[in-house]
N, C-alpha and C. Protein backbone atom coordinates (compact mmCIF):
# COMPACT_ATOMS: atom_id res chain seq x y z
N MET A 1 0.69 -1.03 0.13
CA MET A 1 -0.16 -0.09 -0.06
C MET A 1 0.92 1.07 -0.14
N ASP A 2 2.04 1.16 0.28
CA ASP A 2 2.74 2.31 0.19
C ASP A 2 3.42 3.08 -0.92
N LYS A 3 3.03 2.20 -2.23
CA LYS A 3 3.37 2.74 -3.32
C LYS A 3 1.93 3.17 -4.19
N ILE A 4 0.95 3.45 -3.48
CA ILE A 4 0.02 4.01 -4.00
C ILE A 4 0.21 4.88 -5.12
N HIS A 5 -0.13 4.66 -6.25
CA HIS A 5 -0.36 5.99 -7.30
C HIS A 5 -1.31 5.62 -8.09
N THR A 6 -2.82 5.67 -7.60
CA THR A 6 -3.65 5.66 -8.31
C THR A 6 -4.26 6.88 -8.90
N MET A 7 -4.96 6.74 -9.91
CA MET A 7 -5.33 7.95 -10.40
C MET A 7 -6.87 8.23 -10.13
N ILE A 8 -7.39 9.19 -9.63
CA ILE A 8 -8.45 9.22 -8.89
C ILE A 8 -9.77 9.51 -10.09
N SER A 9 -9.54 10.36 -10.91
CA SER A 9 -10.18 10.72 -12.18
C SER A 9 -9.64 10.55 -13.36
N ALA A 10 -10.14 9.71 -14.16
CA ALA A 10 -9.47 9.35 -15.48
C ALA A 10 -9.34 10.72 -16.41
N ASP A 11 -10.10 11.43 -16.19
CA ASP A 11 -10.00 12.77 -17.27
C ASP A 11 -8.85 13.90 -16.59
N SER A 12 -8.55 13.71 -15.42
CA SER A 12 -7.86 14.63 -14.86
C SER A 12 -6.48 13.95 -14.18
N GLY A 13 -5.33 14.48 -14.57
CA GLY A 13 -3.92 14.52 -14.09
C GLY A 13 -3.40 15.07 -13.08
N SER A 14 -4.58 15.84 -12.21
CA SER A 14 -4.09 16.64 -11.41
C SER A 14 -4.68 16.14 -9.67
N ILE A 15 -5.58 14.84 -9.71
CA ILE A 15 -5.87 14.40 -8.68
C ILE A 15 -5.21 13.08 -8.56
N HIS A 16 -4.48 13.06 -7.47
CA HIS A 16 -3.65 11.64 -7.26
C HIS A 16 -3.89 11.03 -5.69
N MET A 17 -3.85 9.73 -5.59
CA MET A 17 -3.66 9.06 -4.38
C MET A 17 -2.30 8.81 -4.18
N THR A 18 -1.39 9.20 -3.52
CA THR A 18 0.11 9.02 -3.16
C THR A 18 0.26 8.63 -1.75
N LYS A 19 0.67 7.67 -1.40
CA LYS A 19 1.18 7.07 -0.12
C LYS A 19 -0.23 7.53 0.71
N GLY A 20 -1.53 6.92 0.55
CA GLY A 20 -2.59 7.37 1.17
C GLY A 20 -2.96 8.62 1.56
N MET A 21 -2.41 9.70 0.86
CA MET A 21 -2.99 10.95 0.90
C MET A 21 -3.38 11.64 -0.57
N LEU A 22 -4.66 12.16 -0.63
CA LEU A 22 -5.04 12.45 -1.76
C LEU A 22 -4.21 13.91 -2.10
N THR A 23 -3.84 14.18 -3.05
CA THR A 23 -3.05 15.64 -3.52
C THR A 23 -3.84 16.00 -4.77
N MET A 24 -3.90 17.25 -5.00
CA MET A 24 -4.45 17.83 -6.26
C MET A 24 -3.59 19.08 -6.53
N ASN A 25 -3.42 19.08 -7.67
CA ASN A 25 -2.69 20.47 -8.61
C ASN A 25 -4.27 21.46 -8.38
N LEU A 26 -4.22 22.44 -7.48
CA LEU A 26 -5.07 23.21 -7.21
C LEU A 26 -5.31 24.18 -8.71
N GLU A 27 -4.09 24.60 -9.17
CA GLU A 27 -4.33 25.73 -10.15
C GLU A 27 -4.82 24.94 -11.48
N GLN A 28 -4.41 23.73 -11.36
CA GLN A 28 -4.80 23.15 -12.88
C GLN A 28 -6.33 22.97 -12.67
N GLU A 29 -6.95 22.43 -11.28
CA GLU A 29 -8.19 21.98 -11.22
C GLU A 29 -9.05 23.41 -11.17
N LEU A 30 -8.50 24.42 -10.73
CA LEU A 30 -9.23 25.78 -10.63
C LEU A 30 -9.50 26.16 -12.10
N LEU A 31 -8.38 26.01 -13.17
CA LEU A 31 -8.50 26.33 -14.57
C LEU A 31 -9.28 25.31 -15.23
N ARG A 32 -9.43 24.22 -14.73
CA ARG A 32 -9.91 23.10 -15.73
C ARG A 32 -11.44 23.45 -16.03
N GLU A 33 -11.95 24.08 -15.30
CA GLU A 33 -13.70 24.54 -15.49
C GLU A 33 -14.33 25.39 -14.47
N HIS A 34 -14.83 26.34 -14.80
CA HIS A 34 -15.63 27.35 -14.25
C HIS A 34 -16.97 27.14 -13.79
N SER A 35 -17.42 26.15 -13.04
CA SER A 35 -18.53 25.81 -12.38
C SER A 35 -18.97 25.40 -11.09
N LYS A 36 -20.16 25.57 -10.66
CA LYS A 36 -20.27 25.27 -9.24
C LYS A 36 -19.81 23.95 -8.92
N GLU A 37 -20.05 22.71 -9.85
CA GLU A 37 -19.76 21.38 -9.53
C GLU A 37 -18.02 21.42 -9.20
N GLN A 38 -17.57 21.79 -9.98
CA GLN A 38 -15.88 21.95 -9.97
C GLN A 38 -15.56 22.72 -8.41
N ALA A 39 -16.24 23.94 -8.40
CA ALA A 39 -15.78 24.56 -7.01
C ALA A 39 -16.01 23.60 -5.83
N LEU A 40 -17.62 22.99 -5.81
CA LEU A 40 -17.62 22.06 -4.41
C LEU A 40 -16.56 21.13 -4.54
N LYS A 41 -16.21 20.44 -5.69
CA LYS A 41 -15.45 19.34 -5.72
C LYS A 41 -13.99 19.91 -5.06
N ILE A 42 -13.67 21.20 -5.29
CA ILE A 42 -12.40 21.58 -4.77
C ILE A 42 -12.59 21.79 -3.25
N ALA A 43 -13.60 22.39 -2.96
CA ALA A 43 -13.84 22.76 -1.54
C ALA A 43 -14.21 21.48 -0.84
N SER A 44 -14.54 20.40 -1.54
CA SER A 44 -14.79 19.31 -0.70
C SER A 44 -13.32 18.65 -0.27
N TRP A 45 -12.42 18.93 -1.50
CA TRP A 45 -11.01 18.21 -1.12
C TRP A 45 -10.39 18.89 0.11
N VAL A 46 -10.47 20.27 0.26
CA VAL A 46 -9.90 21.12 1.17
C VAL A 46 -10.63 20.78 2.38
N GLY A 47 -11.89 20.57 2.46
CA GLY A 47 -12.65 20.30 3.62
C GLY A 47 -12.14 21.00 4.69
N GLY A 48 -11.79 20.11 5.87
CA GLY A 48 -11.40 20.86 7.07
C GLY A 48 -9.97 20.90 7.38
N ASP A 49 -9.01 20.67 6.33
CA ASP A 49 -7.68 20.27 6.33
C ASP A 49 -6.87 21.90 6.33
N ALA A 50 -6.18 22.11 7.18
CA ALA A 50 -5.59 23.21 7.40
C ALA A 50 -4.24 23.56 6.34
N ARG A 51 -3.82 22.55 6.22
CA ARG A 51 -2.81 22.46 5.06
C ARG A 51 -3.21 22.68 3.71
N ARG A 52 -4.36 21.98 3.49
CA ARG A 52 -4.93 22.11 2.14
C ARG A 52 -5.50 23.38 1.88
N LEU A 53 -6.00 23.80 2.89
CA LEU A 53 -6.52 25.47 3.02
C LEU A 53 -5.45 26.64 2.49
N ASP A 54 -4.37 26.24 3.51
CA ASP A 54 -3.18 27.08 3.14
C ASP A 54 -2.73 27.26 1.76
N GLN A 55 -2.84 25.84 1.15
CA GLN A 55 -2.57 25.77 -0.65
C GLN A 55 -3.48 26.71 -1.25
N LEU A 56 -4.60 26.61 -0.81
CA LEU A 56 -5.76 27.42 -1.66
C LEU A 56 -5.32 28.82 -1.34
N MET A 57 -5.23 29.22 -0.04
CA MET A 57 -5.33 30.72 0.42
C MET A 57 -3.86 31.15 -0.31
N GLY A 58 -2.77 30.17 -0.71
CA GLY A 58 -1.79 30.88 -1.27
C GLY A 58 -2.19 31.51 -2.60
N LEU A 59 -2.69 30.61 -3.15
CA LEU A 59 -3.22 30.99 -4.59
C LEU A 59 -4.28 32.12 -4.54
N VAL A 60 -5.05 32.47 -3.65
CA VAL A 60 -5.97 33.36 -3.81
C VAL A 60 -5.21 34.84 -3.15
N PHE A 61 -4.06 34.99 -2.58
CA PHE A 61 -3.33 35.78 -2.17
C PHE A 61 -2.15 36.32 -3.16
N SER A 62 -1.97 35.19 -3.82
CA SER A 62 -0.61 35.67 -5.01
C SER A 62 -0.82 34.93 -6.24
N GLY A 63 -1.63 34.54 -6.66
CA GLY A 63 -2.24 33.87 -7.76
C GLY A 63 -2.11 35.07 -8.94
N GLN A 64 -2.59 34.20 -10.19
CA GLN A 64 -2.66 35.10 -11.38
C GLN A 64 -4.51 35.32 -11.25
N PRO A 65 -5.17 36.67 -11.88
CA PRO A 65 -6.37 37.02 -11.64
C PRO A 65 -7.39 36.07 -11.63
N LEU A 66 -7.37 35.42 -12.74
CA LEU A 66 -8.46 33.99 -12.99
C LEU A 66 -8.33 33.37 -11.95
N ILE A 67 -7.09 32.62 -11.43
CA ILE A 67 -7.04 31.42 -10.57
C ILE A 67 -7.56 32.20 -9.11
N VAL A 68 -7.30 33.67 -8.88
CA VAL A 68 -7.52 34.24 -7.43
C VAL A 68 -9.03 34.19 -7.66
N GLN A 69 -9.83 34.63 -8.70
CA GLN A 69 -11.15 34.74 -8.71
C GLN A 69 -11.72 33.44 -8.48
N ARG A 70 -11.58 32.26 -9.17
CA ARG A 70 -12.26 30.92 -9.02
C ARG A 70 -11.65 30.33 -7.49
N ALA A 71 -10.48 30.68 -7.03
CA ALA A 71 -9.83 30.14 -5.74
C ALA A 71 -10.86 31.02 -4.82
N ALA A 72 -11.25 32.15 -4.85
CA ALA A 72 -12.17 32.86 -3.88
C ALA A 72 -13.57 32.29 -3.78
N TRP A 73 -14.09 31.81 -5.13
CA TRP A 73 -15.33 30.94 -4.75
C TRP A 73 -15.23 29.90 -3.95
N VAL A 74 -13.92 29.02 -4.06
CA VAL A 74 -13.91 27.82 -3.08
C VAL A 74 -13.83 28.11 -1.63
N VAL A 75 -13.11 29.35 -1.40
CA VAL A 75 -12.76 29.69 -0.39
C VAL A 75 -14.12 30.06 0.51
N GLY A 76 -15.02 30.86 -0.42
CA GLY A 76 -16.61 31.00 0.18
C GLY A 76 -17.20 29.75 0.59
N ILE A 77 -17.27 28.66 -0.24
CA ILE A 77 -17.43 27.55 0.03
C ILE A 77 -17.10 26.69 1.42
N VAL A 78 -15.81 26.74 1.41
CA VAL A 78 -15.11 26.16 2.42
C VAL A 78 -15.27 27.02 3.81
N GLY A 79 -15.53 28.20 3.76
CA GLY A 79 -15.65 29.05 4.93
C GLY A 79 -17.02 28.97 5.41
N GLU A 80 -18.09 28.51 4.50
CA GLU A 80 -19.46 27.93 5.02
C GLU A 80 -19.26 26.99 6.28
N ALA A 81 -18.47 26.12 5.92
CA ALA A 81 -18.50 25.03 6.64
C ALA A 81 -17.15 24.87 7.65
N HIS A 82 -16.32 25.83 7.31
CA HIS A 82 -15.19 25.64 8.33
C HIS A 82 -14.59 27.16 8.57
N ALA A 83 -15.33 28.02 8.91
CA ALA A 83 -15.07 29.52 9.18
C ALA A 83 -13.89 29.37 10.06
N ALA A 84 -13.80 29.01 11.08
CA ALA A 84 -12.84 29.09 12.27
C ALA A 84 -11.37 28.70 11.63
N LEU A 85 -11.46 28.08 10.54
CA LEU A 85 -10.09 27.83 10.02
C LEU A 85 -9.37 29.14 9.28
N PHE A 86 -10.07 30.08 9.17
CA PHE A 86 -9.83 31.29 8.56
C PHE A 86 -9.05 32.20 9.59
N GLN A 87 -9.12 32.23 10.84
CA GLN A 87 -8.83 32.87 11.83
C GLN A 87 -7.36 33.34 11.74
N PRO A 88 -6.20 32.53 11.18
CA PRO A 88 -5.15 32.93 11.21
C PRO A 88 -5.00 33.77 9.78
N TYR A 89 -5.95 33.96 8.96
CA TYR A 89 -5.71 34.61 7.63
C TYR A 89 -6.35 35.94 7.66
N ILE A 90 -6.86 36.55 8.83
CA ILE A 90 -7.45 37.56 8.91
C ILE A 90 -6.72 38.94 8.53
N LYS A 91 -5.65 38.93 8.80
CA LYS A 91 -4.84 40.23 8.60
C LYS A 91 -4.34 40.06 7.12
N LYS A 92 -3.97 38.96 6.61
CA LYS A 92 -3.88 39.13 5.09
C LYS A 92 -5.17 39.21 4.30
N MET A 93 -6.19 38.62 4.95
CA MET A 93 -7.47 38.80 3.97
C MET A 93 -7.76 40.43 3.98
N THR A 94 -7.53 41.04 5.11
CA THR A 94 -7.98 42.52 5.18
C THR A 94 -6.86 43.13 4.21
N VAL A 95 -5.65 42.74 4.05
CA VAL A 95 -4.88 43.46 3.24
C VAL A 95 -5.09 43.34 1.86
N LYS A 96 -5.50 41.88 1.38
CA LYS A 96 -5.84 41.71 0.05
C LYS A 96 -7.02 42.47 -0.18
N MET A 97 -7.81 42.71 0.43
CA MET A 97 -9.39 43.22 0.07
C MET A 97 -8.97 44.94 -0.12
N LYS A 98 -7.74 45.30 0.45
CA LYS A 98 -7.64 46.64 0.02
C LYS A 98 -6.54 47.16 -1.10
N GLN A 99 -6.17 45.93 -1.70
CA GLN A 99 -5.54 46.40 -2.90
C GLN A 99 -6.28 46.68 -4.12
N PRO A 100 -5.83 47.69 -4.67
CA PRO A 100 -6.42 48.14 -6.04
C PRO A 100 -6.77 46.91 -6.86
N GLY A 101 -7.81 47.07 -7.49
CA GLY A 101 -8.43 46.15 -8.66
C GLY A 101 -8.55 44.68 -8.24
N VAL A 102 -8.64 44.41 -7.01
CA VAL A 102 -8.82 43.02 -6.30
C VAL A 102 -10.33 42.83 -6.89
N HIS A 103 -10.39 41.72 -7.07
CA HIS A 103 -11.90 41.18 -7.77
C HIS A 103 -12.97 41.13 -6.74
N ALA A 104 -14.32 41.33 -7.37
CA ALA A 104 -15.07 41.49 -6.19
C ALA A 104 -15.54 39.93 -5.44
N ALA A 105 -15.26 39.04 -6.28
CA ALA A 105 -15.45 37.55 -5.64
C ALA A 105 -14.53 37.49 -4.64
N VAL A 106 -13.33 38.19 -4.61
CA VAL A 106 -12.54 37.78 -3.46
C VAL A 106 -13.10 38.78 -2.05
N LYS A 107 -13.47 39.95 -2.26
CA LYS A 107 -13.95 40.87 -1.34
C LYS A 107 -15.37 40.05 -0.91
N ARG A 108 -16.15 39.52 -1.75
CA ARG A 108 -17.52 39.07 -1.29
C ARG A 108 -17.09 37.86 -0.50
N ASN A 109 -16.30 36.94 -0.74
CA ASN A 109 -16.16 35.59 -0.17
C ASN A 109 -15.06 36.15 1.29
N PHE A 110 -14.42 36.86 1.32
CA PHE A 110 -13.74 37.19 2.39
C PHE A 110 -14.50 37.96 3.32
N VAL A 111 -15.30 38.93 3.04
CA VAL A 111 -16.21 39.53 4.19
C VAL A 111 -17.32 38.42 4.57
N ARG A 112 -17.79 37.48 3.48
CA ARG A 112 -18.74 36.67 4.27
C ARG A 112 -18.15 35.70 5.10
N ILE A 113 -17.06 35.45 5.25
CA ILE A 113 -16.49 34.47 6.33
C ILE A 113 -16.27 35.66 7.35
N LEU A 114 -15.80 36.83 7.39
CA LEU A 114 -15.60 37.52 8.68
C LEU A 114 -16.81 37.82 9.24
N GLN A 115 -18.00 37.58 8.77
CA GLN A 115 -19.15 37.65 9.23
C GLN A 115 -19.16 36.77 10.39
N THR A 116 -18.67 35.30 10.12
CA THR A 116 -18.81 34.38 11.17
C THR A 116 -17.89 34.13 12.19
N ILE A 117 -16.65 34.73 12.05
CA ILE A 117 -15.76 34.38 12.91
C ILE A 117 -15.34 35.60 13.79
N ASP A 118 -14.92 35.08 14.68
CA ASP A 118 -14.36 36.31 15.94
C ASP A 118 -12.96 37.17 15.56
N ILE A 119 -13.21 38.26 15.58
CA ILE A 119 -12.09 38.95 14.79
C ILE A 119 -11.10 39.30 16.38
N PRO A 120 -10.13 39.08 16.36
CA PRO A 120 -9.22 39.44 17.26
C PRO A 120 -9.14 40.64 17.54
N ARG A 121 -9.00 41.17 18.88
CA ARG A 121 -8.88 42.68 19.35
C ARG A 121 -7.95 43.48 18.41
N THR A 122 -6.56 42.87 18.33
CA THR A 122 -5.65 43.23 17.57
C THR A 122 -6.01 43.64 15.96
N MET A 123 -7.06 43.15 15.43
CA MET A 123 -7.51 43.57 14.25
C MET A 123 -8.94 44.18 14.16
N LEU A 124 -9.37 44.44 15.07
CA LEU A 124 -10.68 45.19 15.25
C LEU A 124 -10.62 46.45 14.26
N GLY A 125 -9.46 47.09 14.69
CA GLY A 125 -9.51 48.53 14.11
C GLY A 125 -9.55 48.60 12.45
N ALA A 126 -8.58 47.55 11.90
CA ALA A 126 -8.40 47.35 10.43
C ALA A 126 -9.70 46.81 9.81
N VAL A 127 -9.92 45.72 10.56
CA VAL A 127 -11.41 45.25 9.79
C VAL A 127 -12.66 46.35 9.88
N THR A 128 -12.68 47.19 10.92
CA THR A 128 -13.83 48.23 11.00
C THR A 128 -13.63 49.22 9.90
N ASN A 129 -12.39 49.44 9.72
CA ASN A 129 -12.16 50.83 8.73
C ASN A 129 -12.31 49.99 7.49
N LEU A 130 -11.71 48.76 7.08
CA LEU A 130 -12.14 48.27 5.86
C LEU A 130 -13.66 48.18 5.56
N CYS A 131 -14.32 47.44 6.66
CA CYS A 131 -15.82 47.21 6.23
C CYS A 131 -16.79 48.42 6.12
N PHE A 132 -16.33 49.43 6.88
CA PHE A 132 -16.86 50.95 6.46
C PHE A 132 -16.77 51.31 5.15
N ASP A 133 -15.23 51.27 4.75
CA ASP A 133 -15.05 51.86 3.23
C ASP A 133 -15.55 50.91 2.17
N LEU A 134 -15.98 49.83 2.56
CA LEU A 134 -16.57 48.83 1.62
C LEU A 134 -18.05 49.26 1.78
N LEU A 135 -18.54 49.28 2.87
CA LEU A 135 -20.11 49.79 3.29
C LEU A 135 -20.43 50.94 2.13
N THR A 136 -19.62 51.98 2.46
CA THR A 136 -19.94 53.62 1.92
C THR A 136 -19.48 53.57 0.61
N SER A 137 -18.49 52.55 -0.15
CA SER A 137 -18.25 52.82 -1.45
C SER A 137 -19.35 52.63 -2.52
N PRO A 138 -19.62 53.47 -3.53
CA PRO A 138 -20.55 53.36 -4.32
C PRO A 138 -20.18 52.21 -5.57
N LYS A 139 -19.09 51.86 -5.57
CA LYS A 139 -18.68 50.58 -6.31
C LYS A 139 -18.84 49.37 -6.17
N GLU A 140 -18.94 49.07 -4.81
CA GLU A 140 -19.11 47.72 -4.21
C GLU A 140 -20.37 47.24 -4.55
N PRO A 141 -20.37 45.98 -4.86
CA PRO A 141 -21.57 45.05 -5.06
C PRO A 141 -22.37 45.25 -3.84
N ILE A 142 -23.68 44.77 -4.12
CA ILE A 142 -24.52 44.79 -2.79
C ILE A 142 -24.10 43.69 -1.81
N ALA A 143 -23.79 42.72 -2.38
CA ALA A 143 -23.25 41.39 -1.28
C ALA A 143 -22.27 42.02 -0.49
N VAL A 144 -21.06 42.61 -1.15
CA VAL A 144 -20.15 42.96 -0.23
C VAL A 144 -20.59 43.99 0.78
N LYS A 145 -21.24 44.97 0.53
CA LYS A 145 -21.95 46.11 1.20
C LYS A 145 -22.88 45.31 2.33
N VAL A 146 -23.49 44.74 2.10
CA VAL A 146 -24.36 43.45 3.02
C VAL A 146 -23.56 42.60 3.90
N PHE A 147 -22.51 42.23 3.51
CA PHE A 147 -21.73 41.33 4.74
C PHE A 147 -21.03 42.24 5.42
N SER A 148 -20.42 43.55 4.75
CA SER A 148 -19.84 44.38 5.64
C SER A 148 -20.64 45.05 6.49
N MET A 149 -21.73 45.26 6.18
CA MET A 149 -22.72 45.61 7.31
C MET A 149 -22.86 44.63 8.44
N THR A 150 -23.12 43.52 8.35
CA THR A 150 -23.07 42.53 9.16
C THR A 150 -21.75 42.09 10.03
N VAL A 151 -20.61 42.30 9.61
CA VAL A 151 -19.52 42.34 10.24
C VAL A 151 -19.37 43.56 11.13
N LEU A 152 -19.77 44.77 10.85
CA LEU A 152 -19.75 45.67 11.69
C LEU A 152 -20.59 45.81 12.77
N ALA A 153 -21.86 45.09 12.30
CA ALA A 153 -22.71 45.16 13.59
C ALA A 153 -22.20 43.87 14.55
N ARG A 154 -21.53 42.86 14.02
CA ARG A 154 -21.24 41.97 15.22
C ARG A 154 -19.92 42.90 15.90
N ILE A 155 -19.13 43.65 15.43
CA ILE A 155 -18.00 44.54 15.89
C ILE A 155 -18.67 45.50 17.08
N ALA A 156 -19.84 46.23 16.67
CA ALA A 156 -20.52 47.07 17.37
C ALA A 156 -21.07 46.33 18.65
N HIS A 157 -21.30 45.33 18.31
CA HIS A 157 -21.76 44.44 19.76
C HIS A 157 -20.80 44.51 20.93
N GLN A 158 -19.60 44.49 20.47
CA GLN A 158 -18.20 44.39 21.29
C GLN A 158 -17.63 45.96 21.53
N GLU A 159 -18.16 46.78 20.87
CA GLU A 159 -17.66 47.98 20.82
C GLU A 159 -18.85 49.05 20.64
N PRO A 160 -19.74 49.03 21.69
CA PRO A 160 -20.89 50.21 21.37
C PRO A 160 -20.76 51.18 21.08
N ASP A 161 -19.60 51.97 20.72
CA ASP A 161 -19.25 53.32 20.55
C ASP A 161 -19.37 53.41 19.09
N LEU A 162 -19.41 52.15 18.36
CA LEU A 162 -19.56 52.09 16.87
C LEU A 162 -21.00 52.22 16.42
N GLU A 163 -21.81 51.66 17.42
CA GLU A 163 -23.17 51.65 16.75
C GLU A 163 -23.69 52.64 16.17
N LYS A 164 -23.49 54.01 16.84
CA LYS A 164 -24.00 55.14 16.37
C LYS A 164 -23.77 55.42 14.78
N GLU A 165 -22.33 55.48 14.65
CA GLU A 165 -21.65 55.52 13.43
C GLU A 165 -22.32 54.89 12.41
N LEU A 166 -22.35 53.20 12.80
CA LEU A 166 -23.06 52.29 11.95
C LEU A 166 -24.38 52.64 11.43
N ARG A 167 -25.18 53.18 12.52
CA ARG A 167 -26.51 53.53 12.24
C ARG A 167 -26.74 54.74 11.37
N LEU A 168 -26.03 55.35 11.43
CA LEU A 168 -25.74 56.73 10.61
C LEU A 168 -25.35 56.35 8.99
N VAL A 169 -24.52 55.41 8.75
CA VAL A 169 -23.94 55.26 7.61
C VAL A 169 -25.24 54.30 6.87
N VAL A 170 -25.88 53.44 7.50
CA VAL A 170 -26.71 52.65 7.00
C VAL A 170 -28.08 53.31 6.76
N GLU A 171 -28.32 54.33 7.56
CA GLU A 171 -29.70 55.03 7.49
C GLU A 171 -29.51 56.11 6.15
N GLN A 172 -27.96 56.37 6.07
CA GLN A 172 -27.78 57.47 4.81
C GLN A 172 -27.97 56.75 3.26
N GLN A 173 -27.76 55.27 3.48
CA GLN A 173 -27.71 54.49 2.12
C GLN A 173 -29.01 53.87 1.88
N LEU A 174 -30.04 53.95 2.88
CA LEU A 174 -31.01 53.17 2.70
C LEU A 174 -31.97 53.86 1.42
N PRO A 175 -32.30 54.94 1.34
CA PRO A 175 -33.01 55.59 0.28
C PRO A 175 -32.75 55.13 -1.07
N LEU A 176 -31.37 54.92 -1.28
CA LEU A 176 -30.69 54.58 -2.65
C LEU A 176 -30.50 53.00 -2.90
N SER A 177 -31.07 52.30 -1.78
CA SER A 177 -30.45 50.76 -1.88
C SER A 177 -31.55 50.15 -2.55
N GLY A 178 -31.17 48.80 -2.82
CA GLY A 178 -32.30 47.69 -3.28
C GLY A 178 -32.87 46.84 -2.06
N ALA A 179 -33.60 45.99 -2.22
CA ALA A 179 -34.47 45.22 -1.45
C ALA A 179 -33.28 44.30 -0.54
N GLY A 180 -32.37 43.80 -1.05
CA GLY A 180 -31.67 42.90 -0.12
C GLY A 180 -30.78 43.85 0.79
N PHE A 181 -30.27 44.94 0.36
CA PHE A 181 -29.67 45.78 1.22
C PHE A 181 -30.44 46.16 2.06
N ARG A 182 -31.71 46.63 2.17
CA ARG A 182 -32.78 47.32 3.05
C ARG A 182 -33.28 46.08 3.95
N SER A 183 -33.45 44.99 3.32
CA SER A 183 -33.58 43.89 4.35
C SER A 183 -32.65 43.61 5.69
N ARG A 184 -31.39 43.54 5.22
CA ARG A 184 -30.36 43.23 6.07
C ARG A 184 -30.10 44.70 6.94
N ALA A 185 -30.22 45.96 6.36
CA ALA A 185 -30.30 47.36 7.00
C ALA A 185 -31.15 47.12 8.17
N LYS A 186 -32.44 46.63 7.83
CA LYS A 186 -33.73 46.81 8.99
C LYS A 186 -33.07 45.75 10.28
N ARG A 187 -32.42 44.68 9.79
CA ARG A 187 -32.09 43.78 10.88
C ARG A 187 -31.13 44.50 11.76
N VAL A 188 -30.01 45.07 11.05
CA VAL A 188 -28.81 45.82 11.71
C VAL A 188 -29.44 46.79 12.38
N LEU A 189 -30.08 47.55 12.07
CA LEU A 189 -30.88 48.79 12.75
C LEU A 189 -31.62 48.53 14.00
N HIS A 190 -32.34 47.40 13.81
CA HIS A 190 -32.96 46.87 14.71
C HIS A 190 -32.15 46.56 16.15
N MET A 191 -31.04 45.52 15.51
CA MET A 191 -30.22 45.06 16.45
C MET A 191 -29.38 46.00 17.33
N THR A 192 -28.90 47.22 16.61
CA THR A 192 -28.30 48.15 17.15
C THR A 192 -29.16 49.16 18.20
N ALA A 193 -30.32 49.22 17.72
CA ALA A 193 -31.24 49.80 18.53
C ALA A 193 -31.54 49.15 19.98
N ARG A 194 -31.62 47.83 19.97
CA ARG A 194 -31.89 46.92 21.00
C ARG A 194 -30.63 47.11 22.06
N GLU A 195 -29.43 47.20 21.43
CA GLU A 195 -28.29 47.65 22.30
C GLU A 195 -27.96 48.88 22.72
N ALA A 196 -28.70 49.98 21.89
CA ALA A 196 -27.99 51.17 22.18
C ALA A 196 -28.91 51.62 23.71
């Protein structure tokens, strides 16, 4: 059994069983096909494995634009099931989202993860500033704004001084926003009103 070199998929030279450990050429698999099925397949391979997640995050942080975009989708899927694994990446995720020209998929999936994990005190300021920038930017997609709003509401729960500013920003954007934004905004405004 120690010389296992079995091909898992006949159509793919990038997935192998080697000495009992499944390996994947992530770049090749990300470029193979842009589909939900492929993203789910890669996310399933990553699962809750910190080493595999590190390999995926390495591509998001420094890969070619197309690979970054596709890897970000997989990150979002993995984050739904294993958000706590992203704790060590909060600083790098914040820095990546500030880079000029970063794809909306990266921001959307990173901020989606930030909604569900505990932000360390040392990162609260940076994450707060980033999320306010994303929330107030006219260029950001609604999903990025909505996820940013939720991150800010969670931070405001820890830092009540932010509640007033968050309420003000959300209320300013309500008249110009669509249904998705208004729905989340109402929940955030209700939540911050209870805590105020």
